N, C-alpha and C. Protein backbone atom coordinates (compact mmCIF):
# COMPACT_ATOMS: atom_id res chain seq x y z
N MET A 1 182.23 95.29 141.24
CA MET A 1 183.59 95.82 140.55
C MET A 1 183.72 95.27 139.23
N SER A 2 183.85 95.83 138.25
CA SER A 2 184.28 95.15 136.88
C SER A 2 185.53 94.86 136.97
N LYS A 3 185.85 93.87 135.86
CA LYS A 3 187.25 93.31 135.68
C LYS A 3 188.18 94.41 135.27
N ALA A 4 187.69 95.32 134.60
CA ALA A 4 188.34 96.46 133.94
C ALA A 4 188.93 97.38 135.11
N ASN A 5 188.04 97.58 136.30
CA ASN A 5 188.64 98.35 137.27
C ASN A 5 189.58 97.56 138.04
N ARG A 6 189.75 96.39 138.25
CA ARG A 6 190.75 95.70 138.90
C ARG A 6 191.94 95.65 138.28
N LEU A 7 192.06 95.78 136.92
CA LEU A 7 193.31 95.60 136.20
C LEU A 7 193.97 96.93 135.87
N ARG A 8 193.09 97.96 136.57
CA ARG A 8 193.82 99.31 136.06
C ARG A 8 194.84 99.65 137.12
N ARG A 9 195.76 100.43 136.43
CA ARG A 9 196.98 100.88 137.31
C ARG A 9 196.55 102.16 138.06
N ALA A 10 197.30 102.30 139.23
CA ALA A 10 197.09 103.59 139.87
C ALA A 10 197.44 104.75 139.14
N ALA A 11 196.94 105.80 139.53
CA ALA A 11 196.96 106.92 138.59
C ALA A 11 198.34 107.62 138.62
N ARG A 12 199.04 107.57 139.99
CA ARG A 12 200.52 107.97 139.92
C ARG A 12 201.23 106.98 140.65
N PRO A 13 202.61 106.91 140.22
CA PRO A 13 203.48 106.05 140.75
C PRO A 13 203.81 106.54 142.44
N ALA A 14 204.28 105.74 143.11
CA ALA A 14 204.58 106.04 144.56
C ALA A 14 205.77 106.96 144.54
N PRO A 15 205.55 108.02 145.34
CA PRO A 15 206.76 108.87 145.36
C PRO A 15 207.94 108.42 146.00
N PHE A 16 209.21 108.76 145.22
CA PHE A 16 210.57 108.34 145.73
C PHE A 16 211.35 109.37 145.37
N ARG A 17 212.44 109.57 145.95
CA ARG A 17 213.62 110.42 145.70
C ARG A 17 214.84 109.79 145.93
N ASN A 18 215.73 109.75 144.98
CA ASN A 18 217.10 109.25 145.05
C ASN A 18 217.98 110.23 145.88
N ALA A 19 218.54 109.48 146.82
CA ALA A 19 219.57 110.58 147.73
C ALA A 19 220.80 110.67 146.97
N LYS A 20 221.17 112.10 147.22
CA LYS A 20 221.96 112.68 146.38
C LYS A 20 223.34 112.09 146.91
N LYS A 21 224.27 112.18 146.09
CA LYS A 21 225.58 111.72 146.26
C LYS A 21 226.33 112.62 147.32
N ARG A 22 227.04 111.89 148.41
CA ARG A 22 227.84 112.66 149.37
C ARG A 22 229.18 112.44 149.11
N ILE A 23 229.95 113.60 148.88
CA ILE A 23 231.30 113.46 148.74
C ILE A 23 231.94 114.25 149.83
N LEU A 24 233.10 113.87 150.48
CA LEU A 24 233.86 114.47 151.36
C LEU A 24 235.34 114.98 150.67
N VAL A 25 235.50 116.03 150.75
CA VAL A 25 236.82 116.69 150.14
C VAL A 25 237.62 117.23 151.02
N VAL A 26 238.91 116.66 151.36
CA VAL A 26 239.64 117.27 152.40
C VAL A 26 240.80 117.89 151.85
N CYS A 27 240.92 119.25 151.81
CA CYS A 27 241.97 120.04 151.36
C CYS A 27 243.25 120.48 152.06
N GLU A 28 244.15 120.59 151.36
CA GLU A 28 245.44 121.22 152.00
C GLU A 28 245.33 122.38 152.60
N GLY A 29 244.70 123.41 151.94
CA GLY A 29 244.56 124.71 152.23
C GLY A 29 243.30 125.35 151.98
N SER A 30 243.25 126.81 152.29
CA SER A 30 241.91 127.24 151.94
C SER A 30 241.75 127.72 150.45
N THR A 31 242.68 127.95 149.77
CA THR A 31 242.56 127.94 148.43
C THR A 31 242.01 127.06 147.69
N GLU A 32 242.41 125.74 147.91
CA GLU A 32 241.83 124.44 147.24
C GLU A 32 240.35 124.33 147.65
N LYS A 33 240.01 124.68 148.93
CA LYS A 33 238.57 124.64 149.50
C LYS A 33 237.85 125.56 148.63
N GLU A 34 238.26 126.68 148.31
CA GLU A 34 237.66 127.84 147.68
C GLU A 34 237.25 127.33 146.22
N TYR A 35 238.15 126.67 145.67
CA TYR A 35 237.97 126.01 144.23
C TYR A 35 236.73 124.95 144.36
N VAL A 36 236.83 124.26 145.18
CA VAL A 36 235.82 123.12 145.32
C VAL A 36 234.35 123.81 145.56
N ASP A 37 234.38 124.71 146.59
CA ASP A 37 233.15 125.24 146.94
C ASP A 37 232.61 126.20 145.56
N GLY A 38 233.53 126.70 144.83
CA GLY A 38 233.14 127.33 143.44
C GLY A 38 232.59 126.57 142.64
N TYR A 39 233.20 125.14 142.34
CA TYR A 39 232.81 124.20 141.59
C TYR A 39 231.38 123.64 141.87
N VAL A 40 231.22 123.44 143.23
CA VAL A 40 229.98 123.09 143.53
C VAL A 40 228.84 124.15 143.37
N LEU A 41 229.11 125.29 143.48
CA LEU A 41 228.13 126.38 143.19
C LEU A 41 227.64 126.27 141.71
N SER A 42 228.72 126.13 140.90
CA SER A 42 228.76 126.00 139.55
C SER A 42 227.61 125.00 138.97
N LEU A 43 227.59 124.07 139.82
CA LEU A 43 226.57 122.78 139.59
C LEU A 43 225.09 123.28 139.52
N ARG A 44 224.87 124.19 140.28
CA ARG A 44 223.41 124.85 140.34
C ARG A 44 222.39 123.84 140.76
N SER A 45 222.77 122.65 141.43
CA SER A 45 221.70 121.85 141.72
C SER A 45 221.92 121.19 143.17
N SER A 46 221.35 121.40 144.10
CA SER A 46 221.54 120.75 145.21
C SER A 46 221.08 119.49 145.53
N LEU A 47 220.49 119.03 144.40
CA LEU A 47 219.85 117.63 144.44
C LEU A 47 221.01 116.66 143.84
N VAL A 48 222.10 117.19 143.15
CA VAL A 48 222.90 116.14 142.65
C VAL A 48 223.89 115.66 143.74
N VAL A 49 224.49 116.55 144.54
CA VAL A 49 225.66 116.29 145.23
C VAL A 49 225.77 117.20 146.41
N ALA A 50 226.30 116.62 147.75
CA ALA A 50 226.55 117.30 148.67
C ALA A 50 227.95 117.30 149.08
N VAL A 51 228.71 118.21 149.20
CA VAL A 51 230.23 118.23 149.18
C VAL A 51 230.63 118.89 150.32
N GLU A 52 231.13 118.32 151.23
CA GLU A 52 231.72 118.62 152.52
C GLU A 52 233.31 119.15 152.47
N ALA A 53 233.54 120.32 151.98
CA ALA A 53 234.95 120.59 151.83
C ALA A 53 235.46 121.15 153.16
N ILE A 54 236.69 120.49 153.48
CA ILE A 54 237.47 121.02 154.76
C ILE A 54 238.85 121.37 154.43
N GLY A 55 239.05 122.51 154.64
CA GLY A 55 240.39 123.27 154.36
C GLY A 55 241.33 123.28 155.44
N ASN A 56 242.67 123.72 155.06
CA ASN A 56 243.57 124.01 156.06
C ASN A 56 243.91 122.72 156.96
N SER A 57 244.13 121.59 156.07
CA SER A 57 244.51 120.15 156.84
C SER A 57 245.89 120.14 157.00
N GLY A 58 246.79 120.77 156.24
CA GLY A 58 248.19 120.71 156.61
C GLY A 58 248.86 119.97 155.38
N VAL A 59 250.08 119.40 155.53
CA VAL A 59 251.00 118.66 154.66
C VAL A 59 250.05 117.41 154.07
N PRO A 60 250.54 116.98 152.94
CA PRO A 60 249.67 115.72 152.51
C PRO A 60 249.48 114.63 153.15
N ILE A 61 250.39 114.22 154.06
CA ILE A 61 250.03 112.97 154.83
C ILE A 61 249.08 113.24 155.77
N SER A 62 249.05 114.49 156.57
CA SER A 62 247.97 114.80 157.51
C SER A 62 246.67 115.17 156.75
N VAL A 63 246.71 115.40 155.45
CA VAL A 63 245.33 115.52 154.76
C VAL A 63 244.62 114.27 154.71
N VAL A 64 245.57 113.46 154.24
CA VAL A 64 245.08 111.89 154.12
C VAL A 64 244.75 111.34 155.43
N GLU A 65 245.30 111.56 156.48
CA GLU A 65 245.00 111.17 157.74
C GLU A 65 243.51 111.64 158.25
N THR A 66 243.65 113.00 157.94
CA THR A 66 242.05 113.63 158.42
C THR A 66 241.19 112.95 157.63
N ALA A 67 241.42 112.91 156.36
CA ALA A 67 240.22 112.18 155.34
C ALA A 67 239.94 110.73 155.99
N ARG A 68 240.80 110.23 156.23
CA ARG A 68 240.61 108.62 156.70
C ARG A 68 240.03 108.76 158.07
N GLU A 69 240.25 109.56 158.88
CA GLU A 69 239.57 109.57 160.32
C GLU A 69 238.12 110.04 160.09
N LEU A 70 237.80 111.18 159.10
CA LEU A 70 236.59 111.48 159.08
C LEU A 70 235.67 110.51 158.18
N MET A 71 236.19 109.73 157.29
CA MET A 71 235.50 108.69 156.57
C MET A 71 235.13 107.50 157.66
N ARG A 72 235.87 107.14 158.31
CA ARG A 72 235.81 106.22 159.63
C ARG A 72 234.74 106.68 160.50
N SER A 73 234.82 107.78 160.94
CA SER A 73 233.85 108.30 162.08
C SER A 73 232.31 108.42 161.21
N ASN A 74 232.46 108.87 159.93
CA ASN A 74 230.94 108.98 159.30
C ASN A 74 230.80 107.46 159.08
N ALA A 75 231.34 106.48 158.80
CA ALA A 75 230.84 105.07 158.46
C ALA A 75 230.07 104.72 159.70
N ALA A 76 231.06 104.93 160.81
CA ALA A 76 230.52 104.33 162.11
C ALA A 76 229.30 105.04 162.43
N GLN A 77 228.96 106.27 162.30
CA GLN A 77 227.80 107.03 162.42
C GLN A 77 226.59 106.60 161.73
N ALA A 78 226.94 106.24 160.45
CA ALA A 78 225.96 105.60 159.45
C ALA A 78 225.51 104.35 159.94
N ILE A 79 226.30 103.42 160.55
CA ILE A 79 225.86 102.35 161.23
C ILE A 79 225.06 102.50 162.35
N ALA A 80 225.53 103.35 163.19
CA ALA A 80 224.72 103.69 164.65
C ALA A 80 223.40 104.01 164.18
N ASP A 81 223.29 104.89 163.32
CA ASP A 81 221.96 105.54 162.85
C ASP A 81 221.21 104.52 162.10
N LYS A 82 221.70 103.58 161.58
CA LYS A 82 221.34 102.57 160.71
C LYS A 82 220.58 103.54 159.34
N ASP A 83 221.41 104.38 158.79
CA ASP A 83 221.21 105.03 157.75
C ASP A 83 222.08 105.27 156.83
N SER A 84 222.17 104.43 155.69
CA SER A 84 223.27 104.33 154.88
C SER A 84 223.34 105.74 153.89
N ASN A 85 222.34 106.60 153.88
CA ASN A 85 222.15 107.73 153.16
C ASN A 85 223.11 108.89 153.72
N ILE A 86 223.60 108.61 154.86
CA ILE A 86 224.54 109.79 155.51
C ILE A 86 226.05 109.52 155.29
N SER A 87 226.22 108.33 154.94
CA SER A 87 227.64 107.79 154.47
C SER A 87 228.24 108.47 153.24
N PHE A 88 229.43 108.68 153.12
CA PHE A 88 229.93 109.29 151.97
C PHE A 88 229.96 108.45 150.83
N ASP A 89 229.74 108.81 149.58
CA ASP A 89 229.91 107.95 148.52
C ASP A 89 231.23 107.91 148.03
N SER A 90 231.90 108.92 148.25
CA SER A 90 233.52 109.01 147.80
C SER A 90 234.34 110.03 148.76
N VAL A 91 235.58 109.73 148.87
CA VAL A 91 236.34 110.73 149.59
C VAL A 91 237.56 111.16 148.75
N TRP A 92 237.78 112.50 148.83
CA TRP A 92 238.98 112.91 148.05
C TRP A 92 239.74 113.68 149.11
N VAL A 93 241.07 113.75 148.61
CA VAL A 93 242.00 114.61 149.04
C VAL A 93 242.58 115.47 148.09
N ILE A 94 242.73 116.81 148.32
CA ILE A 94 243.48 117.62 147.38
C ILE A 94 244.71 118.49 148.09
N PHE A 95 245.95 118.24 147.50
CA PHE A 95 246.94 118.89 147.96
C PHE A 95 247.95 119.11 146.79
N ASP A 96 249.12 120.06 146.92
CA ASP A 96 250.09 120.32 145.89
C ASP A 96 251.24 119.57 146.47
N ILE A 97 252.14 119.14 145.61
CA ILE A 97 253.28 118.59 145.72
C ILE A 97 254.52 119.20 145.85
N ASP A 98 254.51 120.54 145.94
CA ASP A 98 255.82 121.49 145.78
C ASP A 98 256.33 121.22 147.24
N GLU A 99 257.60 120.68 147.29
CA GLU A 99 258.43 120.58 148.53
C GLU A 99 257.74 120.13 149.74
N HIS A 100 256.75 119.20 149.64
CA HIS A 100 256.15 118.54 150.87
C HIS A 100 257.05 117.13 151.20
N PRO A 101 257.14 116.87 152.59
CA PRO A 101 257.61 115.48 152.68
C PRO A 101 256.62 114.56 152.51
N ARG A 102 257.02 113.34 152.30
CA ARG A 102 256.22 112.03 152.34
C ARG A 102 254.96 112.12 151.37
N VAL A 103 255.12 112.87 150.18
CA VAL A 103 253.89 112.91 149.36
C VAL A 103 253.59 111.41 148.91
N GLU A 104 254.61 110.68 148.39
CA GLU A 104 254.52 109.27 147.97
C GLU A 104 253.74 108.42 149.15
N ASP A 105 254.11 108.58 150.34
CA ASP A 105 253.61 108.01 151.54
C ASP A 105 252.04 108.25 151.64
N ALA A 106 251.79 109.65 151.47
CA ALA A 106 250.26 110.02 151.29
C ALA A 106 249.47 109.54 150.17
N LYS A 107 250.04 109.37 149.14
CA LYS A 107 249.35 108.73 148.01
C LYS A 107 249.23 107.19 148.21
N ILE A 108 250.13 106.53 148.79
CA ILE A 108 249.96 104.99 148.99
C ILE A 108 248.77 105.07 150.12
N MET A 109 248.90 105.91 151.30
CA MET A 109 247.88 105.68 152.33
C MET A 109 246.60 105.85 151.79
N ALA A 110 246.35 106.89 150.85
CA ALA A 110 244.99 107.24 150.34
C ALA A 110 244.65 105.98 149.44
N ARG A 111 245.65 105.57 148.56
CA ARG A 111 244.92 104.28 147.92
C ARG A 111 244.64 103.32 148.56
N ASP A 112 245.29 102.94 149.80
CA ASP A 112 245.05 101.78 150.68
C ASP A 112 243.69 102.04 151.51
N ASN A 113 243.18 103.27 151.50
CA ASN A 113 241.98 103.48 152.05
C ASN A 113 240.86 103.89 151.25
N GLN A 114 241.07 103.58 149.92
CA GLN A 114 240.12 103.98 148.88
C GLN A 114 239.69 105.41 149.02
N ILE A 115 240.77 106.33 149.09
CA ILE A 115 240.56 107.72 149.08
C ILE A 115 241.26 108.20 147.77
N GLU A 116 240.48 109.02 147.02
CA GLU A 116 240.95 109.54 145.76
C GLU A 116 241.74 110.77 145.96
N VAL A 117 242.83 110.99 145.08
CA VAL A 117 243.76 111.87 145.20
C VAL A 117 243.73 113.03 143.94
N ALA A 118 243.85 114.25 144.40
CA ALA A 118 244.02 115.36 143.14
C ALA A 118 245.08 116.02 143.55
N VAL A 119 245.99 116.28 142.90
CA VAL A 119 247.30 117.14 143.22
C VAL A 119 247.29 118.18 142.15
């Protein structure tokens, strides 16, 4: 074998694929879920992001509680499966603030649990 052949690179790089971002969105109602679903469709790329939108979760504090529980169970599942690709990259809650009780408590709970808030 000549020296030139030993120094030669492979014709193709090894195949790889970046895991798509996984985002959990917990919404107060079905209208917000429809907005999120519409936005995801407008991205036109299933390789970029996987959004799990859950609607009809109630008042803001229960929306955050639902997101927190789903986030925790997802993290536990990722550890049990030894697969970090199934864990959520970010978690969001969406709710409106008109005449709901404990909106500030919901925002604080979200912040304390690294959950993003959209109102």
